[in-house]
Amino acid sequence: MIYKRSSTLFAEAKQFIPGGVNSPVRAFKAVGGDPIFVKKAKGAYLYDEDGNRLIDYIASWGPLILGHAYEPVINAVIEKAKKGTSFGMPTEIETQLAKLAVSMVPNIDKIRFVNSGTEACMSAVRLARGYTGKDKIIKFAGCYHGHSDSFLIQAGSGAVTFGSPNSPGVTQGTAKDTLLAAYNDLEAVIKLAKANKGEIAAVIIEPVAGNMGCIVPTDKFIHGLRDLCTEEGILLIFDEVMTGFRLGKGGAQEVLGVDADIVTFGKVIGGGLPVGAFAARTEIMDYLAPDGPVYQAGTLSGNPLAMSAGLAMLNELNNNPQVFESLAKKTKYLHEGLDKVISDKGMEYQINRFGSMLSVHFTDEPVVDFETSAKGNNEFFKKYFHGMLAQGIYLPPSAFESYFLNDALSYEDLDDTIAALENIRF
């Protein structure tokens, strides 16, 4: 395939946009080469500026569960746009989407809409601190909760030490209130809780991680977190920006059988438009302004375009729950096909899968956390990524990202993807 126009557009973009992109993973830094510029998309396919058709495995990083340009969502946005795009005033559709979301997700009574997953997670942590009167939070290495200062922290010298900032612009003062633990390591969290007893407001986690590849929590770990938080008076925050309404109607809480205290959403809840949300029980949510002392606001929060897209998407998922089973079956089919091909090539690898999320790691060690994910052979991954791209398969351009399947993918598409892998020489 030829990507001449994409390269030209990228060169022009770099003159006016930092790095030529508005989100770093798009720049192909992890895999090399120039990024692909998309012109349009429909169903399971992307069409780039050079006229190539690509089978899509990122689905705009998760929200397009039913495929690109899904007609009920597009029609809802068009009709709503004809009546105005934003008012800075309440609209009925906000309540309609809130009511539907609350009915689908366990253990939440009220929801607040915002404009991004980053904003949702940032606001959830502020709410947790305001509700508990405590300052510190625990997060997990490799879990990404947006680019708010509190989350851009890397591990220190040991599990009980304070974090240190891993982005310029994040202060040591912010870093000292963020504690780090390894994913799937319950003992590390217990040690942190004991060393900072009575000081921790919340534990925030991707219940199924998607930012170090797809990593599944062990039952002992995820249920142990719930028990620990209950015992210590710590709020458990599930970042379901990726997993919410994707793993099931009720998200990871429902599938894993674990109740979080606060849940954050994004992507799917806006049908692919910019949106985020956070939700909890009434007694927690009532701490938010204007009812409570914890301030949060946004002019475009709950804007009618995002609400109309989200309402159309959630209605489809709520009325057709079989889509989750369909997606899981397709992901299993792809997993088994990739597994056979890579195994026949005699390579060291791991494939992680949960629901409609999947990732391939070129390592002989099970991938259970950020440390084991980072041990993957990135040179093999680069050959894998570009080998698939050359045959019209668009995978996440980083070994640390999960695939997100959409239900518009046909089994023929999956077979073509598996066949493409057979043609790659590592």
Protein backbone atom coordinates (compact mmCIF):
# COMPACT_ATOMS: atom_id res chain seq x y z
CA MET A 1 0.00 0.00 0.00
CA ILE A 2 1.10 3.56 -0.73
CA TYR A 3 0.85 6.27 1.93
CA LYS A 4 2.35 9.22 0.03
CA ARG A 5 -0.40 11.74 0.78
CA SER A 6 -0.44 10.79 4.48
CA SER A 7 3.30 11.50 4.65
CA THR A 8 2.81 14.86 2.93
CA LEU A 9 0.01 15.79 5.31
CA PHE A 10 2.10 14.76 8.31
CA ALA A 11 5.01 16.94 7.19
CA GLU A 12 2.64 19.89 6.90
CA ALA A 13 0.98 19.18 10.26
CA LYS A 14 4.36 19.20 12.05
CA GLN A 15 4.80 22.84 11.05
CA PHE A 16 1.72 23.92 13.00
CA ILE A 17 0.89 21.17 15.55
CA PRO A 18 3.41 19.88 18.13
CA GLY A 19 4.69 16.60 16.77
CA GLY A 20 2.15 16.86 13.97
CA VAL A 21 -0.57 15.25 16.11
CA ASN A 22 -3.06 16.20 18.81
CA SER A 23 -2.53 13.02 20.85
CA PRO A 24 0.96 11.45 21.09
CA VAL A 25 0.18 7.80 20.26
CA ARG A 26 -0.97 8.89 16.80
CA ALA A 27 2.57 9.92 15.87
CA PHE A 28 3.86 6.32 15.40
CA LYS A 29 6.84 7.04 17.67
CA ALA A 30 6.63 3.52 19.12
CA VAL A 31 6.62 1.79 15.74
CA GLY A 32 8.41 4.21 13.41
CA GLY A 33 7.25 5.66 10.12
CA ASP A 34 4.63 8.30 9.40
CA PRO A 35 1.07 8.10 10.75
CA ILE A 36 -1.89 7.36 8.51
CA PHE A 37 -4.30 10.24 7.86
CA VAL A 38 -7.92 9.11 7.74
CA LYS A 39 -10.38 10.60 5.27
CA LYS A 40 -13.52 8.69 6.24
CA ALA A 41 -14.73 5.47 7.86
CA LYS A 42 -17.70 3.16 7.64
CA GLY A 43 -18.49 -0.02 9.54
CA ALA A 44 -15.30 -1.94 10.23
CA TYR A 45 -13.19 0.02 7.74
CA LEU A 46 -11.04 3.13 7.62
CA TYR A 47 -10.35 4.89 4.32
CA ASP A 48 -7.18 6.96 4.28
CA GLU A 49 -6.14 10.00 2.27
CA ASP A 50 -4.36 7.75 -0.26
CA GLY A 51 -7.50 5.75 -0.97
CA ASN A 52 -6.47 2.64 0.97
CA ARG A 53 -9.05 0.63 2.90
CA LEU A 54 -7.94 -0.58 6.33
CA ILE A 55 -9.61 -3.09 8.64
CA ASP A 56 -9.83 -1.20 11.93
CA TYR A 57 -8.91 -2.67 15.32
CA ILE A 58 -8.91 0.47 17.47
CA ALA A 59 -12.49 1.72 16.94
CA SER A 60 -11.44 5.26 17.92
CA TRP A 61 -9.84 3.66 21.01
CA GLY A 62 -12.97 1.88 22.07
CA PRO A 63 -16.26 3.78 21.67
CA LEU A 64 -17.35 2.60 18.23
CA ILE A 65 -18.63 -0.76 19.42
CA LEU A 66 -21.09 -1.02 16.53
CA GLY A 67 -18.69 0.29 13.89
CA HIS A 68 -17.94 3.63 12.27
CA ALA A 69 -20.73 5.95 11.11
CA TYR A 70 -23.37 3.78 12.74
CA GLU A 71 -26.59 5.07 11.21
CA PRO A 72 -28.79 5.59 14.32
CA VAL A 73 -25.98 7.55 16.01
CA ILE A 74 -25.21 9.66 12.93
CA ASN A 75 -28.90 10.43 12.36
CA ALA A 76 -29.36 11.42 16.01
CA VAL A 77 -26.45 13.87 15.81
CA ILE A 78 -27.64 15.38 12.52
CA GLU A 79 -31.16 15.96 13.80
CA LYS A 80 -29.91 17.46 17.05
CA ALA A 81 -27.38 19.72 15.29
CA LYS A 82 -30.19 21.27 13.26
CA LYS A 83 -31.61 22.62 16.52
CA GLY A 84 -28.34 24.05 17.83
CA THR A 85 -25.01 22.68 19.04
CA SER A 86 -24.60 24.12 22.54
CA PHE A 87 -26.62 26.35 24.85
CA GLY A 88 -24.85 26.48 28.20
CA MET A 89 -28.26 25.68 29.70
CA PRO A 90 -29.98 22.45 30.80
CA THR A 91 -31.61 20.21 28.20
CA GLU A 92 -33.99 17.28 28.60
CA ILE A 93 -31.70 14.88 26.75
CA GLU A 94 -29.11 15.11 29.56
CA THR A 95 -31.61 13.60 31.98
CA GLN A 96 -32.67 10.98 29.44
CA LEU A 97 -29.09 9.76 29.00
CA ALA A 98 -28.40 9.96 32.74
CA LYS A 99 -31.51 7.89 33.52
CA LEU A 100 -30.56 5.26 30.94
CA ALA A 101 -26.95 5.02 32.12
CA VAL A 102 -27.98 4.68 35.76
CA SER A 103 -30.44 1.93 34.83
CA MET A 104 -27.72 -0.05 33.03
CA VAL A 105 -24.85 0.21 35.52
CA PRO A 106 -24.94 -1.40 38.98
CA ASN A 107 -24.27 0.54 42.17
CA ILE A 108 -24.73 4.10 40.85
CA ASP A 109 -27.57 6.51 41.58
CA LYS A 110 -26.43 9.74 39.94
CA ILE A 111 -24.08 10.72 37.13
CA ARG A 112 -22.31 13.95 36.10
CA PHE A 113 -21.37 14.47 32.44
CA VAL A 114 -18.09 16.11 31.50
CA ASN A 115 -16.10 16.43 28.25
CA SER A 116 -13.39 13.75 28.39
CA GLY A 117 -12.14 10.72 30.25
CA THR A 118 -9.31 12.81 31.69
CA GLU A 119 -11.80 15.28 33.13
CA ALA A 120 -13.94 12.46 34.51
CA CYS A 121 -11.04 10.82 36.35
CA MET A 122 -9.68 14.14 37.61
CA SER A 123 -13.12 15.07 38.95
CA ALA A 124 -13.66 11.64 40.50
CA VAL A 125 -10.45 11.95 42.50
CA ARG A 126 -11.36 15.49 43.63
CA LEU A 127 -14.78 14.21 44.72
CA ALA A 128 -13.18 11.31 46.61
CA ARG A 129 -10.85 13.69 48.42
CA GLY A 130 -13.68 16.06 49.27
CA TYR A 131 -15.96 13.26 50.47
CA THR A 132 -13.34 11.51 52.64
CA GLY A 133 -11.36 14.56 53.79
CA LYS A 134 -8.11 12.73 52.85
CA ASP A 135 -5.43 13.73 50.33
CA LYS A 136 -3.60 10.67 49.03
CA ILE A 137 -4.54 8.28 46.26
CA ILE A 138 -3.16 4.95 45.08
CA LYS A 139 -2.79 4.25 41.37
CA PHE A 140 -1.16 1.40 39.49
CA ALA A 141 1.91 1.55 37.26
CA GLY A 142 0.81 1.26 33.65
CA CYS A 143 -2.78 2.35 34.25
CA TYR A 144 -3.57 5.58 32.40
CA HIS A 145 -6.30 7.83 33.73
CA GLY A 146 -5.72 10.84 31.52
CA HIS A 147 -3.15 13.59 31.68
CA SER A 148 -4.17 15.30 34.90
CA ASP A 149 -1.14 15.98 37.13
CA SER A 150 -2.11 13.43 39.79
CA PHE A 151 -1.94 10.60 37.27
CA LEU A 152 1.38 11.35 35.52
CA ILE A 153 3.42 9.65 38.21
CA GLN A 154 5.92 6.79 37.91
CA ALA A 155 7.12 4.32 40.55
CA GLY A 156 9.70 5.34 43.13
CA SER A 157 12.36 3.14 44.76
CA GLY A 158 9.89 0.77 46.37
CA ALA A 159 6.23 -0.02 46.83
CA VAL A 160 5.89 2.10 49.95
CA THR A 161 7.73 5.17 48.67
CA PHE A 162 6.16 8.30 47.29
CA GLY A 163 5.81 8.58 43.53
CA SER A 164 7.86 10.97 41.44
CA PRO A 165 6.60 12.92 38.44
CA ASN A 166 7.38 11.47 35.02
CA SER A 167 6.32 14.55 33.05
CA PRO A 168 7.81 18.03 33.33
CA GLY A 169 5.22 20.38 34.74
CA VAL A 170 4.05 17.96 37.43
CA THR A 171 5.19 19.24 40.82
CA GLN A 172 6.74 17.22 43.63
CA GLY A 173 3.92 18.52 45.81
CA THR A 174 1.39 16.78 43.59
CA ALA A 175 3.52 13.66 43.28
CA LYS A 176 3.78 13.14 47.03
CA ASP A 177 0.04 12.51 47.27
CA THR A 178 0.07 9.82 44.58
CA LEU A 179 1.22 6.37 45.70
CA LEU A 180 2.21 3.64 43.24
CA ALA A 181 1.63 -0.09 43.24
CA ALA A 182 2.01 -2.86 40.67
CA TYR A 183 -1.14 -4.12 38.97
CA ASN A 184 -2.28 -7.53 40.26
CA ASP A 185 -0.12 -7.12 43.40
CA LEU A 186 -2.55 -6.96 46.32
CA GLU A 187 0.19 -7.19 48.94
CA ALA A 188 1.79 -3.98 47.63
CA VAL A 189 -1.51 -2.14 48.07
CA ILE A 190 -1.96 -3.52 51.58
CA LYS A 191 1.54 -2.26 52.50
CA LEU A 192 0.74 1.19 51.13
CA ALA A 193 -2.51 1.32 53.07
CA LYS A 194 -0.76 0.36 56.30
CA ALA A 195 2.11 2.82 55.76
CA ASN A 196 -0.36 5.65 55.07
CA LYS A 197 -3.17 4.64 57.39
CA GLY A 198 -6.04 7.12 57.52
CA GLU A 199 -4.53 9.28 54.76
CA ILE A 200 -5.75 7.59 51.55
CA ALA A 201 -8.88 8.93 49.91
CA ALA A 202 -9.12 6.55 46.98
CA VAL A 203 -7.67 3.72 44.95
CA ILE A 204 -8.14 4.31 41.22
CA ILE A 205 -7.73 1.47 38.75
CA GLU A 206 -8.58 0.31 35.25
CA PRO A 207 -10.55 -2.80 36.29
CA VAL A 208 -9.39 -4.44 33.06
CA ALA A 209 -6.28 -2.57 31.98
CA GLY A 210 -6.02 -1.34 28.41
CA ASN A 211 -3.00 0.96 28.50
CA MET A 212 -0.27 -1.65 28.92
CA GLY A 213 -1.94 -4.01 26.55
CA CYS A 214 -5.05 -5.83 27.73
CA ILE A 215 -4.32 -7.08 31.24
CA VAL A 216 -6.91 -8.96 33.24
CA PRO A 217 -7.07 -8.69 37.05
CA THR A 218 -6.88 -11.88 39.08
CA ASP A 219 -9.93 -12.61 41.21
CA LYS A 220 -7.81 -12.41 44.36
CA PHE A 221 -6.50 -8.98 43.37
CA ILE A 222 -9.70 -7.24 42.30
CA HIS A 223 -11.89 -8.68 45.09
CA GLY A 224 -9.09 -8.09 47.58
CA LEU A 225 -8.99 -4.41 46.60
CA ARG A 226 -12.70 -4.11 47.30
CA ASP A 227 -12.31 -5.74 50.72
CA LEU A 228 -9.30 -3.59 51.61
CA CYS A 229 -11.01 -0.36 50.62
CA THR A 230 -14.08 -1.26 52.67
CA GLU A 231 -11.96 -2.10 55.72
CA GLU A 232 -9.84 1.06 55.50
CA GLY A 233 -12.57 3.56 54.57
CA ILE A 234 -11.00 4.14 51.13
CA LEU A 235 -13.14 4.81 48.05
CA LEU A 236 -12.57 2.41 45.14
CA ILE A 237 -12.68 4.19 41.77
CA PHE A 238 -13.11 2.12 38.62
CA ASP A 239 -11.85 3.95 35.53
CA GLU A 240 -14.25 2.44 32.97
CA VAL A 241 -13.47 4.92 30.21
CA MET A 242 -12.48 1.89 28.10
CA THR A 243 -14.50 -0.90 29.68
CA GLY A 244 -17.78 0.86 30.46
CA PHE A 245 -20.62 -0.33 28.18
CA ARG A 246 -18.03 -2.37 26.21
CA LEU A 247 -17.55 -5.47 28.37
CA GLY A 248 -21.27 -5.63 29.12
CA LYS A 249 -24.29 -3.41 29.80
CA GLY A 250 -23.02 -2.80 33.31
CA GLY A 251 -19.35 -2.64 32.40
CA ALA A 252 -16.55 -4.23 34.41
CA GLN A 253 -18.46 -3.95 37.69
CA GLU A 254 -21.09 -6.31 36.32
CA VAL A 255 -18.70 -8.70 34.56
CA LEU A 256 -16.19 -8.95 37.43
CA GLY A 257 -18.82 -8.93 40.16
CA VAL A 258 -17.17 -6.09 42.06
CA ASP A 259 -18.90 -2.87 43.16
CA ALA A 260 -16.85 0.31 42.90
CA ASP A 261 -17.64 3.44 44.91
CA ILE A 262 -17.11 5.83 41.99
CA VAL A 263 -17.08 4.90 38.29
CA THR A 264 -15.74 7.01 35.43
CA PHE A 265 -16.87 6.75 31.82
CA GLY A 266 -15.95 8.19 28.44
CA LYS A 267 -15.91 7.32 24.75
CA VAL A 268 -18.88 4.91 24.49
CA ILE A 269 -21.22 7.08 26.58
CA GLY A 270 -20.92 9.76 23.88
CA GLY A 271 -21.24 7.42 20.91
CA GLY A 272 -17.77 8.48 19.78
CA LEU A 273 -18.17 12.22 20.40
CA PRO A 274 -16.04 14.00 23.05
CA VAL A 275 -17.57 13.12 26.41
CA GLY A 276 -16.86 11.76 29.85
CA ALA A 277 -18.82 11.11 33.02
CA PHE A 278 -18.44 10.01 36.61
CA ALA A 279 -21.05 8.38 38.77
CA ALA A 280 -21.60 7.05 42.30
CA ARG A 281 -24.16 6.52 45.01
CA THR A 282 -26.31 9.48 46.04
CA GLU A 283 -24.46 10.22 49.27
CA ILE A 284 -21.19 10.64 47.37
CA MET A 285 -22.55 12.51 44.36
CA ASP A 286 -24.40 14.97 46.58
CA TYR A 287 -21.00 16.35 47.63
CA LEU A 288 -20.78 17.94 44.17
CA ALA A 289 -21.70 21.57 43.52
CA PRO A 290 -24.30 22.99 43.43
CA ASP A 291 -25.58 20.69 46.21
CA GLY A 292 -22.24 20.17 47.92
CA PRO A 293 -18.83 21.80 48.46
CA VAL A 294 -16.79 19.99 45.76
CA TYR A 295 -16.68 22.25 42.73
CA GLN A 296 -16.79 21.01 39.13
CA ALA A 297 -18.17 22.78 36.08
CA GLY A 298 -17.99 22.89 32.28
CA THR A 299 -19.72 24.98 29.63
CA LEU A 300 -19.91 22.10 27.16
CA SER A 301 -20.65 19.40 29.74
CA GLY A 302 -23.77 17.54 28.62
CA ASN A 303 -23.83 19.32 25.26
CA PRO A 304 -26.73 18.15 23.08
CA LEU A 305 -24.63 16.64 20.28
CA ALA A 306 -22.69 14.32 22.61
CA MET A 307 -25.84 13.50 24.56
CA SER A 308 -27.79 12.59 21.42
CA ALA A 309 -24.98 10.35 20.17
CA GLY A 310 -24.64 8.72 23.57
CA LEU A 311 -28.37 8.16 23.95
CA ALA A 312 -28.58 6.52 20.53
CA MET A 313 -25.57 4.28 21.28
CA LEU A 314 -26.69 3.19 24.76
CA ASN A 315 -30.22 2.53 23.54
CA GLU A 316 -28.82 0.19 20.90
CA LEU A 317 -26.66 -1.63 23.46
CA ASN A 318 -29.45 -1.78 26.04
CA ASN A 319 -31.98 -3.14 23.55
CA ASN A 320 -29.56 -5.56 21.91
CA PRO A 321 -27.37 -7.03 24.68
CA GLN A 322 -26.43 -9.93 22.41
CA VAL A 323 -23.86 -7.61 20.85
CA PHE A 324 -21.56 -8.23 23.83
CA GLU A 325 -21.67 -11.98 23.24
CA SER A 326 -21.13 -11.46 19.51
CA LEU A 327 -18.09 -9.27 20.14
CA ALA A 328 -16.62 -11.73 22.64
CA LYS A 329 -17.02 -14.60 20.15
CA LYS A 330 -15.32 -12.62 17.38
CA THR A 331 -12.47 -11.67 19.69
CA LYS A 332 -12.02 -15.30 20.75
CA TYR A 333 -11.99 -16.34 17.07
CA LEU A 334 -9.30 -13.76 16.28
CA HIS A 335 -7.31 -14.80 19.36
CA GLU A 336 -7.33 -18.46 18.34
CA GLY A 337 -6.34 -17.64 14.76
CA LEU A 338 -3.46 -15.36 15.74
CA ASP A 339 -2.38 -17.87 18.37
CA LYS A 340 -2.03 -20.68 15.83
CA VAL A 341 -0.11 -18.58 13.30
CA ILE A 342 2.40 -17.15 15.78
CA SER A 343 2.84 -20.54 17.41
CA ASP A 344 3.60 -22.12 14.01
CA LYS A 345 6.27 -19.45 13.48
CA GLY A 346 7.99 -20.70 16.65
CA MET A 347 8.07 -17.29 18.35
CA GLU A 348 7.85 -16.37 22.01
CA TYR A 349 4.56 -14.56 22.62
CA GLN A 350 1.57 -14.00 24.85
CA ILE A 351 -1.97 -13.09 23.81
CA ASN A 352 -4.19 -11.50 26.47
CA ARG A 353 -7.96 -11.26 25.97
CA PHE A 354 -11.04 -10.19 27.88
CA GLY A 355 -14.39 -9.65 26.19
CA SER A 356 -13.74 -7.56 23.07
CA MET A 357 -10.29 -6.42 24.21
CA LEU A 358 -7.10 -8.18 23.11
CA SER A 359 -3.34 -7.62 22.90
CA VAL A 360 -0.31 -9.46 21.49
CA HIS A 361 2.99 -9.39 23.40
CA PHE A 362 6.25 -10.84 22.04
CA THR A 363 7.62 -12.29 25.27
CA ASP A 364 7.86 -15.71 26.90
CA GLU A 365 6.62 -14.40 30.27
CA PRO A 366 2.93 -14.03 31.19
CA VAL A 367 1.92 -10.36 30.97
CA VAL A 368 0.22 -9.45 34.23
CA ASP A 369 1.41 -5.88 34.93
CA PHE A 370 3.38 -2.98 33.47
CA GLU A 371 6.78 -4.53 34.24
CA THR A 372 6.04 -7.76 32.38
CA SER A 373 4.36 -5.86 29.54
CA ALA A 374 7.51 -3.76 29.10
CA LYS A 375 9.61 -6.90 28.56
CA GLY A 376 8.07 -7.52 25.14
CA ASN A 377 10.33 -7.51 22.08
CA ASN A 378 9.49 -4.16 20.50
CA GLU A 379 11.47 -4.89 17.32
CA PHE A 380 9.20 -7.87 16.67
CA PHE A 381 6.19 -5.70 17.43
CA LYS A 382 7.32 -3.08 14.88
CA LYS A 383 7.63 -5.76 12.19
CA TYR A 384 4.25 -7.12 13.19
CA PHE A 385 2.56 -3.71 13.10
CA HIS A 386 4.02 -2.58 9.76
CA GLY A 387 3.63 -6.04 8.22
CA MET A 388 -0.07 -5.97 9.03
CA LEU A 389 -0.45 -2.33 7.96
CA ALA A 390 1.09 -3.11 4.57
CA GLN A 391 -1.74 -5.63 4.07
CA GLY A 392 -4.53 -3.28 5.10
CA ILE A 393 -4.83 -4.13 8.81
CA TYR A 394 -4.77 -1.19 11.23
CA LEU A 395 -3.64 -2.22 14.71
CA PRO A 396 -2.85 0.01 17.69
CA PRO A 397 0.53 1.64 16.88
CA SER A 398 2.00 0.70 20.28
CA ALA A 399 2.64 -2.56 22.12
CA PHE A 400 1.12 -0.93 25.20
CA GLU A 401 -2.37 -0.49 23.75
CA SER A 402 -5.31 -2.89 23.66
CA TYR A 403 -7.16 -3.79 20.47
CA PHE A 404 -10.84 -2.82 20.52
CA LEU A 405 -13.01 -4.88 18.22
CA ASN A 406 -16.26 -3.55 16.77
CA ASP A 407 -19.25 -5.67 15.85
CA ALA A 408 -19.21 -4.52 12.23
CA LEU A 409 -16.18 -6.78 11.75
CA SER A 410 -17.14 -9.85 9.75
CA TYR A 411 -15.58 -13.29 10.11
CA GLU A 412 -14.14 -12.72 6.64
CA ASP A 413 -12.38 -9.64 8.02
CA LEU A 414 -11.02 -11.73 10.88
CA ASP A 415 -9.84 -14.43 8.46
CA ASP A 416 -8.12 -11.77 6.33
CA THR A 417 -6.39 -10.47 9.45
CA ILE A 418 -5.17 -13.92 10.44
CA ALA A 419 -4.01 -14.60 6.86
CA ALA A 420 -2.09 -11.30 6.84
CA LEU A 421 -0.09 -12.43 9.87
CA GLU A 422 0.90 -15.61 8.03
CA ASN A 423 2.63 -13.49 5.38
CA ILE A 424 4.90 -11.60 7.80
CA ARG A 425 8.54 -12.62 8.12
CA PHE A 426 10.06 -11.75 11.49
